[in-house]
Amino acid sequence: MAFTRGAQHAAGARRVWSWASRVNLSAGPHTVTWNGRDASGTAVRSGAYLLRVRAGRDLGVKKLVLLR
């Protein structure tokens, strides 16, 4: 189990959204939903984004494309 946190970054490495679990999550698949808005609630533009997820010492990075 590990506390988990993640962030969405625009292609220029600017963080647009982040989240953190408030409890330890067990191993296995989990779902996080991003509504396509930044931290202030403004809809972000179509484009490439990076999703960074850290669980304990592990770090995963995935490329995402948002099309509006």
PDB file of N, CA and C in Angstrom:
ATOM      1  N   MET A   1       0.839  -1.172   0.000  1.00  0.00           N
ATOM      2  CA  MET A   1       0.000   0.000   0.000  1.00  0.00           C
ATOM      3  C   MET A   1       0.885   1.236   0.000  1.00  0.00           C
ATOM      4  N   ALA A   2       0.375   2.281  -0.634  1.00  0.00           N
ATOM      5  CA  ALA A   2       1.150   3.520  -0.711  1.00  0.00           C
ATOM      6  C   ALA A   2       0.220   4.696  -0.914  1.00  0.00           C
ATOM      7  N   PHE A   3       0.623   5.836  -0.370  1.00  0.00           N
ATOM      8  CA  PHE A   3      -0.060   7.074  -0.717  1.00  0.00           C
ATOM      9  C   PHE A   3       0.291   7.356  -2.172  1.00  0.00           C
ATOM     10  N   THR A   4      -0.663   7.809  -2.928  1.00  0.00           N
ATOM     11  CA  THR A   4      -0.461   8.012  -4.358  1.00  0.00           C
ATOM     12  C   THR A   4      -0.789   9.446  -4.711  1.00  0.00           C
ATOM     13  N   ARG A   5      -0.016  10.013  -5.625  1.00  0.00           N
ATOM     14  CA  ARG A   5      -0.314  11.362  -6.097  1.00  0.00           C
ATOM     15  C   ARG A   5       0.021  11.431  -7.577  1.00  0.00           C
ATOM     16  N   GLY A   6      -0.581  12.378  -8.232  1.00  0.00           N
ATOM     17  CA  GLY A   6      -0.345  12.514  -9.662  1.00  0.00           C
ATOM     18  C   GLY A   6      -0.543  13.939 -10.101  1.00  0.00           C
ATOM     19  N   ALA A   7      -0.125  14.220 -11.322  1.00  0.00           N
ATOM     20  CA  ALA A   7      -0.261  15.568 -11.875  1.00  0.00           C
ATOM     21  C   ALA A   7      -0.332  15.483 -13.387  1.00  0.00           C
ATOM     22  N   GLN A   8      -1.061  16.410 -13.974  1.00  0.00           N
ATOM     23  CA  GLN A   8      -1.111  16.580 -15.421  1.00  0.00           C
ATOM     24  C   GLN A   8      -0.210  17.756 -15.759  1.00  0.00           C
ATOM     25  N   HIS A   9       0.631  17.588 -16.746  1.00  0.00           N
ATOM     26  CA  HIS A   9       1.534  18.656 -17.173  1.00  0.00           C
ATOM     27  C   HIS A   9       1.317  18.943 -18.648  1.00  0.00           C
ATOM     28  N   ALA A  10       1.283  20.222 -19.005  1.00  0.00           N
ATOM     29  CA  ALA A  10       1.233  20.612 -20.416  1.00  0.00           C
ATOM     30  C   ALA A  10       2.583  20.302 -21.045  1.00  0.00           C
ATOM     31  N   ALA A  11       2.639  20.301 -22.364  1.00  0.00           N
ATOM     32  CA  ALA A  11       3.875  19.953 -23.070  1.00  0.00           C
ATOM     33  C   ALA A  11       5.054  20.814 -22.631  1.00  0.00           C
ATOM     34  N   GLY A  12       4.819  22.042 -22.210  1.00  0.00           N
ATOM     35  CA  GLY A  12       5.887  22.923 -21.746  1.00  0.00           C
ATOM     36  C   GLY A  12       6.263  22.690 -20.297  1.00  0.00           C
ATOM     37  N   ALA A  13       5.796  21.595 -19.699  1.00  0.00           N
ATOM     38  CA  ALA A  13       6.093  21.172 -18.331  1.00  0.00           C
ATOM     39  C   ALA A  13       5.348  21.972 -17.265  1.00  0.00           C
ATOM     40  N   ARG A  14       4.403  22.829 -17.669  1.00  0.00           N
ATOM     41  CA  ARG A  14       3.605  23.574 -16.692  1.00  0.00           C
ATOM     42  C   ARG A  14       2.551  22.638 -16.108  1.00  0.00           C
ATOM     43  N   ARG A  15       2.477  22.571 -14.780  1.00  0.00           N
ATOM     44  CA  ARG A  15       1.470  21.729 -14.128  1.00  0.00           C
ATOM     45  C   ARG A  15       0.102  22.370 -14.295  1.00  0.00           C
ATOM     46  N   VAL A  16      -0.861  21.593 -14.777  1.00  0.00           N
ATOM     47  CA  VAL A  16      -2.201  22.133 -14.970  1.00  0.00           C
ATOM     48  C   VAL A  16      -3.201  21.569 -13.967  1.00  0.00           C
ATOM     49  N   TRP A  17      -2.901  20.417 -13.375  1.00  0.00           N
ATOM     50  CA  TRP A  17      -3.840  19.795 -12.440  1.00  0.00           C
ATOM     51  C   TRP A  17      -3.081  18.769 -11.613  1.00  0.00           C
ATOM     52  N   SER A  18      -3.460  18.594 -10.360  1.00  0.00           N
ATOM     53  CA  SER A  18      -2.823  17.562  -9.540  1.00  0.00           C
ATOM     54  C   SER A  18      -3.827  16.995  -8.557  1.00  0.00           C
ATOM     55  N   TRP A  19      -3.511  15.828  -8.020  1.00  0.00           N
ATOM     56  CA  TRP A  19      -4.365  15.162  -7.037  1.00  0.00           C
ATOM     57  C   TRP A  19      -3.486  14.320  -6.125  1.00  0.00           C
ATOM     58  N   ALA A  20      -4.031  13.958  -4.979  1.00  0.00           N
ATOM     59  CA  ALA A  20      -3.320  13.092  -4.039  1.00  0.00           C
ATOM     60  C   ALA A  20      -4.339  12.251  -3.289  1.00  0.00           C
ATOM     61  N   SER A  21      -3.993  10.981  -3.056  1.00  0.00           N
ATOM     62  CA  SER A  21      -4.885  10.124  -2.273  1.00  0.00           C
ATOM     63  C   SER A  21      -4.767  10.509  -0.808  1.00  0.00           C
ATOM     64  N   ARG A  22      -5.845  10.361  -0.088  1.00  0.00           N
ATOM     65  CA  ARG A  22      -5.838  10.684   1.338  1.00  0.00           C
ATOM     66  C   ARG A  22      -5.657   9.432   2.189  1.00  0.00           C
ATOM     67  N   VAL A  23      -5.661   8.290   1.543  1.00  0.00           N
ATOM     68  CA  VAL A  23      -5.485   7.011   2.232  1.00  0.00           C
ATOM     69  C   VAL A  23      -4.476   6.179   1.448  1.00  0.00           C
ATOM     70  N   ASN A  24      -3.897   5.187   2.103  1.00  0.00           N
ATOM     71  CA  ASN A  24      -3.023   4.247   1.411  1.00  0.00           C
ATOM     72  C   ASN A  24      -3.855   3.409   0.457  1.00  0.00           C
ATOM     73  N   LEU A  25      -3.423   3.303  -0.785  1.00  0.00           N
ATOM     74  CA  LEU A  25      -4.116   2.482  -1.773  1.00  0.00           C
ATOM     75  C   LEU A  25      -3.423   1.134  -1.886  1.00  0.00           C
ATOM     76  N   SER A  26      -4.211   0.076  -1.979  1.00  0.00           N
ATOM     77  CA  SER A  26      -3.643  -1.256  -2.140  1.00  0.00           C
ATOM     78  C   SER A  26      -3.124  -1.417  -3.569  1.00  0.00           C
ATOM     79  N   ALA A  27      -2.290  -2.425  -3.773  1.00  0.00           N
ATOM     80  CA  ALA A  27      -1.780  -2.713  -5.112  1.00  0.00           C
ATOM     81  C   ALA A  27      -2.937  -3.076  -6.027  1.00  0.00           C
ATOM     82  N   GLY A  28      -2.802  -2.746  -7.290  1.00  0.00           N
ATOM     83  CA  GLY A  28      -3.836  -3.082  -8.258  1.00  0.00           C
ATOM     84  C   GLY A  28      -4.318  -1.856  -8.993  1.00  0.00           C
ATOM     85  N   PRO A  29      -5.215  -2.064  -9.939  1.00  0.00           N
ATOM     86  CA  PRO A  29      -5.695  -0.939 -10.741  1.00  0.00           C
ATOM     87  C   PRO A  29      -6.612  -0.005  -9.961  1.00  0.00           C
ATOM     88  N   HIS A  30      -6.483   1.268 -10.240  1.00  0.00           N
ATOM     89  CA  HIS A  30      -7.335   2.303  -9.660  1.00  0.00           C
ATOM     90  C   HIS A  30      -7.659   3.302 -10.761  1.00  0.00           C
ATOM     91  N   THR A  31      -8.707   4.076 -10.590  1.00  0.00           N
ATOM     92  CA  THR A  31      -9.135   5.029 -11.606  1.00  0.00           C
ATOM     93  C   THR A  31      -9.085   6.449 -11.063  1.00  0.00           C
ATOM     94  N   VAL A  32      -8.541   7.344 -11.861  1.00  0.00           N
ATOM     95  CA  VAL A  32      -8.560   8.773 -11.569  1.00  0.00           C
ATOM     96  C   VAL A  32      -9.156   9.449 -12.796  1.00  0.00           C
ATOM     97  N   THR A  33     -10.107  10.336 -12.589  1.00  0.00           N
ATOM     98  CA  THR A  33     -10.754  11.016 -13.701  1.00  0.00           C
ATOM     99  C   THR A  33     -10.342  12.481 -13.727  1.00  0.00           C
ATOM    100  N   TRP A  34      -9.916  12.950 -14.887  1.00  0.00           N
ATOM    101  CA  TRP A  34      -9.567  14.353 -15.094  1.00  0.00           C
ATOM    102  C   TRP A  34     -10.610  14.942 -16.024  1.00  0.00           C
ATOM    103  N   ASN A  35     -11.175  16.070 -15.666  1.00  0.00           N
ATOM    104  CA  ASN A  35     -12.252  16.673 -16.452  1.00  0.00           C
ATOM    105  C   ASN A  35     -11.757  17.630 -17.540  1.00  0.00           C
ATOM    106  N   GLY A  36     -10.467  17.669 -17.798  1.00  0.00           N
ATOM    107  CA  GLY A  36      -9.936  18.540 -18.847  1.00  0.00           C
ATOM    108  C   GLY A  36      -9.829  19.997 -18.440  1.00  0.00           C
ATOM    109  N   ARG A  37      -9.867  20.248 -17.135  1.00  0.00           N
ATOM    110  CA  ARG A  37      -9.763  21.622 -16.630  1.00  0.00           C
ATOM    111  C   ARG A  37      -8.513  21.747 -15.772  1.00  0.00           C
ATOM    112  N   ASP A  38      -8.003  22.975 -15.675  1.00  0.00           N
ATOM    113  CA  ASP A  38      -6.836  23.201 -14.832  1.00  0.00           C
ATOM    114  C   ASP A  38      -7.277  23.404 -13.387  1.00  0.00           C
ATOM    115  N   ALA A  39      -6.331  23.698 -12.520  1.00  0.00           N
ATOM    116  CA  ALA A  39      -6.617  23.828 -11.086  1.00  0.00           C
ATOM    117  C   ALA A  39      -7.586  24.962 -10.780  1.00  0.00           C
ATOM    118  N   SER A  40      -7.680  25.960 -11.662  1.00  0.00           N
ATOM    119  CA  SER A  40      -8.608  27.072 -11.427  1.00  0.00           C
ATOM    120  C   SER A  40      -9.980  26.826 -12.053  1.00  0.00           C
ATOM    121  N   GLY A  41     -10.155  25.669 -12.721  1.00  0.00           N
ATOM    122  CA  GLY A  41     -11.447  25.330 -13.307  1.00  0.00           C
ATOM    123  C   GLY A  41     -11.617  25.734 -14.759  1.00  0.00           C
ATOM    124  N   THR A  42     -10.571  26.283 -15.362  1.00  0.00           N
ATOM    125  CA  THR A  42     -10.629  26.704 -16.758  1.00  0.00           C
ATOM    126  C   THR A  42     -10.343  25.516 -17.674  1.00  0.00           C
ATOM    127  N   ALA A  43     -11.154  25.340 -18.714  1.00  0.00           N
ATOM    128  CA  ALA A  43     -10.920  24.264 -19.677  1.00  0.00           C
ATOM    129  C   ALA A  43      -9.575  24.480 -20.366  1.00  0.00           C
ATOM    130  N   VAL A  44      -8.752  23.434 -20.423  1.00  0.00           N
ATOM    131  CA  VAL A  44      -7.450  23.543 -21.085  1.00  0.00           C
ATOM    132  C   VAL A  44      -7.619  23.294 -22.575  1.00  0.00           C
ATOM    133  N   ARG A  45      -6.652  23.714 -23.348  1.00  0.00           N
ATOM    134  CA  ARG A  45      -6.689  23.572 -24.804  1.00  0.00           C
ATOM    135  C   ARG A  45      -6.413  22.135 -25.228  1.00  0.00           C
ATOM    136  N   SER A  46      -6.818  21.822 -26.451  1.00  0.00           N
ATOM    137  CA  SER A  46      -6.417  20.557 -27.063  1.00  0.00           C
ATOM    138  C   SER A  46      -4.902  20.524 -27.119  1.00  0.00           C
ATOM    139  N   GLY A  47      -4.326  19.347 -26.953  1.00  0.00           N
ATOM    140  CA  GLY A  47      -2.880  19.237 -27.039  1.00  0.00           C
ATOM    141  C   GLY A  47      -2.362  18.018 -26.318  1.00  0.00           C
ATOM    142  N   ALA A  48      -1.046  17.938 -26.244  1.00  0.00           N
ATOM    143  CA  ALA A  48      -0.364  16.825 -25.591  1.00  0.00           C
ATOM    144  C   ALA A  48      -0.113  17.167 -24.128  1.00  0.00           C
ATOM    145  N   TYR A  49      -0.325  16.190 -23.270  1.00  0.00           N
ATOM    146  CA  TYR A  49      -0.122  16.351 -21.831  1.00  0.00           C
ATOM    147  C   TYR A  49       0.621  15.139 -21.300  1.00  0.00           C
ATOM    148  N   LEU A  50       1.319  15.312 -20.206  1.00  0.00           N
ATOM    149  CA  LEU A  50       1.982  14.206 -19.524  1.00  0.00           C
ATOM    150  C   LEU A  50       1.263  13.942 -18.215  1.00  0.00           C
ATOM    151  N   LEU A  51       0.998  12.684 -17.933  1.00  0.00           N
ATOM    152  CA  LEU A  51       0.427  12.271 -16.652  1.00  0.00           C
ATOM    153  C   LEU A  51       1.541  11.627 -15.849  1.00  0.00           C
ATOM    154  N   ARG A  52       1.849  12.215 -14.702  1.00  0.00           N
ATOM    155  CA  ARG A  52       2.862  11.646 -13.798  1.00  0.00           C
ATOM    156  C   ARG A  52       2.147  11.103 -12.579  1.00  0.00           C
ATOM    157  N   VAL A  53       2.405   9.846 -12.242  1.00  0.00           N
ATOM    158  CA  VAL A  53       1.803   9.223 -11.063  1.00  0.00           C
ATOM    159  C   VAL A  53       2.926   8.656 -10.212  1.00  0.00           C
ATOM    160  N   ARG A  54       2.928   9.027  -8.937  1.00  0.00           N
ATOM    161  CA  ARG A  54       3.923   8.509  -7.999  1.00  0.00           C
ATOM    162  C   ARG A  54       3.201   7.730  -6.910  1.00  0.00           C
ATOM    163  N   ALA A  55       3.658   6.498  -6.674  1.00  0.00           N
ATOM    164  CA  ALA A  55       3.138   5.657  -5.598  1.00  0.00           C
ATOM    165  C   ALA A  55       4.339   5.161  -4.806  1.00  0.00           C
ATOM    166  N   GLY A  56       4.496   5.678  -3.600  1.00  0.00           N
ATOM    167  CA  GLY A  56       5.690   5.335  -2.829  1.00  0.00           C
ATOM    168  C   GLY A  56       6.923   5.826  -3.566  1.00  0.00           C
ATOM    169  N   ARG A  57       7.860   4.912  -3.846  1.00  0.00           N
ATOM    170  CA  ARG A  57       9.074   5.270  -4.585  1.00  0.00           C
ATOM    171  C   ARG A  57       8.920   5.119  -6.095  1.00  0.00           C
ATOM    172  N   ASP A  58       7.820   4.531  -6.544  1.00  0.00           N
ATOM    173  CA  ASP A  58       7.613   4.281  -7.971  1.00  0.00           C
ATOM    174  C   ASP A  58       7.030   5.508  -8.665  1.00  0.00           C
ATOM    175  N   LEU A  59       7.496   5.759  -9.882  1.00  0.00           N
ATOM    176  CA  LEU A  59       7.014   6.877 -10.687  1.00  0.00           C
ATOM    177  C   LEU A  59       6.667   6.360 -12.073  1.00  0.00           C
ATOM    178  N   GLY A  60       5.475   6.710 -12.543  1.00  0.00           N
ATOM    179  CA  GLY A  60       5.061   6.365 -13.901  1.00  0.00           C
ATOM    180  C   GLY A  60       4.704   7.628 -14.655  1.00  0.00           C
ATOM    181  N   VAL A  61       5.031   7.660 -15.941  1.00  0.00           N
ATOM    182  CA  VAL A  61       4.714   8.809 -16.787  1.00  0.00           C
ATOM    183  C   VAL A  61       4.060   8.286 -18.062  1.00  0.00           C
ATOM    184  N   LYS A  62       2.930   8.875 -18.430  1.00  0.00           N
ATOM    185  CA  LYS A  62       2.217   8.508 -19.655  1.00  0.00           C
ATOM    186  C   LYS A  62       1.927   9.764 -20.465  1.00  0.00           C
ATOM    187  N   LYS A  63       1.957   9.635 -21.774  1.00  0.00           N
ATOM    188  CA  LYS A  63       1.587  10.735 -22.667  1.00  0.00           C
ATOM    189  C   LYS A  63       0.089  10.646 -22.939  1.00  0.00           C
ATOM    190  N   LEU A  64      -0.590  11.780 -22.903  1.00  0.00           N
ATOM    191  CA  LEU A  64      -2.016  11.855 -23.196  1.00  0.00           C
ATOM    192  C   LEU A  64      -2.242  12.919 -24.258  1.00  0.00           C
ATOM    193  N   VAL A  65      -3.270  12.730 -25.076  1.00  0.00           N
ATOM    194  CA  VAL A  65      -3.669  13.743 -26.053  1.00  0.00           C
ATOM    195  C   VAL A  65      -5.112  14.108 -25.768  1.00  0.00           C
ATOM    196  N   LEU A  66      -5.378  15.390 -25.614  1.00  0.00           N
ATOM    197  CA  LEU A  66      -6.732  15.889 -25.380  1.00  0.00           C
ATOM    198  C   LEU A  66      -7.202  16.580 -26.652  1.00  0.00           C
ATOM    199  N   LEU A  67      -8.321  16.104 -27.188  1.00  0.00           N
ATOM    200  CA  LEU A  67      -8.919  16.706 -28.383  1.00  0.00           C
ATOM    201  C   LEU A  67     -10.266  17.272 -28.009  1.00  0.00           C
ATOM    202  N   ARG A  68     -10.502  18.506 -28.335  1.00  0.00           N
ATOM    203  CA  ARG A  68     -11.791  19.151 -28.043  1.00  0.00           C
ATOM    204  C   ARG A  68     -12.579  19.328 -29.311  1.00  0.00           C
TER     205      ARG A  68
END
